[in-house]
Structures are given as C-alpha cells and as structure tokens.
Amino acid sequence: MSTTTVSSKGQVVIPRHLREKHRLSAGVRLEVTETEKGLVLSPIRQSRSPVGQTGWRSLRGCAKGTEALKEHLAEHRREAKR
C-alpha cells in the first residue's frame, strides 16, 4: 500500500510505480468518482479526434508546412481565379 499527501492546492502525487504500472504520464486527465469506500481516480482515455471534430476538420493542421499543402493551396487559388 502506498500513501500520499494532499497539498494546499488540493494536488496529490501518485507514486511512480503506480504511474508506470497504469501508464499515467503528465497531462493525463483523471475522472474522480465518489464511492462508499472513498474516492476513485480513473484515467479518461482520449478518443482519436477531439470532441466536436470529426471528418476532415479533425485533420486540421496535420499537413502544416508540407509541400503537398502548399501545392494544394496554390491549385485552389488558381481555380478560384477562374
């Protein structure tokens, strides 16, 4: 059994061996559920695309700075001028 302390800001440190075992890294969001036995922390697994972004909008920014994007934009501009 491991122990931890709640800081003045309400923060707790999850011991390293438990973070590694459950693959918890910095930035992982946890859901806090209250049960009869106490509090339960559960990682919130991120879906592949952010909430509200599906289809082509979920790809926004993935080709940033590539030649393919530059060529596509140039072609789009040429078509728009016609």
Protein backbone atom coordinates (compact mmCIF):
# COMPACT_ATOMS: atom_id res chain seq x y z
CA MET A 1 0.00 0.00 0.00
CA SER A 2 1.24 3.48 -0.87
CA THR A 3 0.42 6.78 0.76
CA THR A 4 0.44 10.37 -0.45
CA THR A 5 -0.43 13.80 0.93
CA VAL A 6 -2.91 16.38 -0.35
CA SER A 7 -1.18 19.74 -0.95
CA SER A 8 -2.63 23.13 -0.03
CA LYS A 9 -3.77 23.38 -3.68
CA GLY A 10 -5.60 20.04 -3.48
CA GLN A 11 -2.95 18.22 -5.52
CA VAL A 12 -1.79 14.66 -4.88
CA VAL A 13 1.24 12.81 -6.18
CA ILE A 14 0.60 9.32 -7.49
CA PRO A 15 3.62 7.15 -6.60
CA ARG A 16 5.96 6.39 -9.51
CA HIS A 17 5.44 2.61 -9.51
CA LEU A 18 1.66 3.11 -9.83
CA ARG A 19 2.05 5.76 -12.58
CA GLU A 20 4.28 3.37 -14.53
CA LYS A 21 2.03 0.36 -13.93
CA HIS A 22 -1.07 2.23 -15.13
CA ARG A 23 0.79 4.19 -17.85
CA LEU A 24 -0.06 7.60 -16.41
CA SER A 25 2.05 10.43 -17.79
CA ALA A 26 1.97 14.20 -17.41
CA GLY A 27 -1.22 15.70 -18.82
CA VAL A 28 -3.40 12.59 -18.48
CA ARG A 29 -6.82 13.64 -17.25
CA LEU A 30 -8.38 11.69 -14.40
CA GLU A 31 -12.04 11.27 -13.55
CA VAL A 32 -12.76 11.45 -9.81
CA THR A 33 -15.67 9.29 -8.64
CA GLU A 34 -17.01 9.17 -5.10
CA THR A 35 -17.96 5.70 -3.83
CA GLU A 36 -18.97 4.28 -0.46
CA LYS A 37 -15.34 3.31 0.14
CA GLY A 38 -13.87 6.69 -0.85
CA LEU A 39 -12.57 8.36 -3.99
CA VAL A 40 -11.67 6.51 -7.19
CA LEU A 41 -9.35 8.02 -9.82
CA SER A 42 -9.81 6.71 -13.35
CA PRO A 43 -7.90 7.87 -16.45
CA ILE A 44 -10.03 9.41 -19.16
CA ARG A 45 -8.95 7.79 -22.41
CA GLN A 46 -8.80 10.31 -25.26
CA SER A 47 -10.56 9.43 -28.49
CA ARG A 48 -8.61 9.79 -31.72
CA SER A 49 -10.25 13.10 -32.62
CA PRO A 50 -11.14 15.89 -30.21
CA VAL A 51 -14.78 16.20 -29.15
CA GLY A 52 -16.81 18.01 -31.79
CA GLN A 53 -14.25 17.49 -34.54
CA THR A 54 -14.95 14.68 -36.92
CA GLY A 55 -14.27 14.09 -40.58
CA TRP A 56 -11.90 16.38 -42.45
CA ARG A 57 -11.95 19.01 -39.66
CA SER A 58 -10.11 16.58 -37.38
CA LEU A 59 -7.19 16.67 -39.85
CA ARG A 60 -6.72 20.43 -39.49
CA GLY A 61 -3.05 21.27 -39.05
CA CYS A 62 -1.70 17.77 -39.71
CA ALA A 63 -0.07 18.77 -43.05
CA LYS A 64 1.19 22.14 -41.87
CA GLY A 65 4.35 23.21 -43.67
CA THR A 66 4.42 20.35 -46.17
CA GLU A 67 4.90 20.75 -49.91
CA ALA A 68 1.63 18.90 -50.54
CA LEU A 69 -0.27 21.55 -48.60
CA LYS A 70 1.47 24.39 -50.47
CA GLU A 71 0.68 22.77 -53.81
CA HIS A 72 -2.93 22.20 -52.83
CA LEU A 73 -3.39 25.82 -51.75
CA ALA A 74 -1.77 27.12 -54.94
CA GLU A 75 -4.06 24.93 -57.05
CA HIS A 76 -7.07 26.10 -55.04
CA ARG A 77 -6.11 29.76 -55.63
CA ARG A 78 -5.71 29.15 -59.38
CA GLU A 79 -9.16 27.54 -59.52
CA ALA A 80 -10.69 30.40 -57.54
CA LYS A 81 -9.35 32.97 -60.06
CA ARG A 82 -11.09 31.20 -62.98
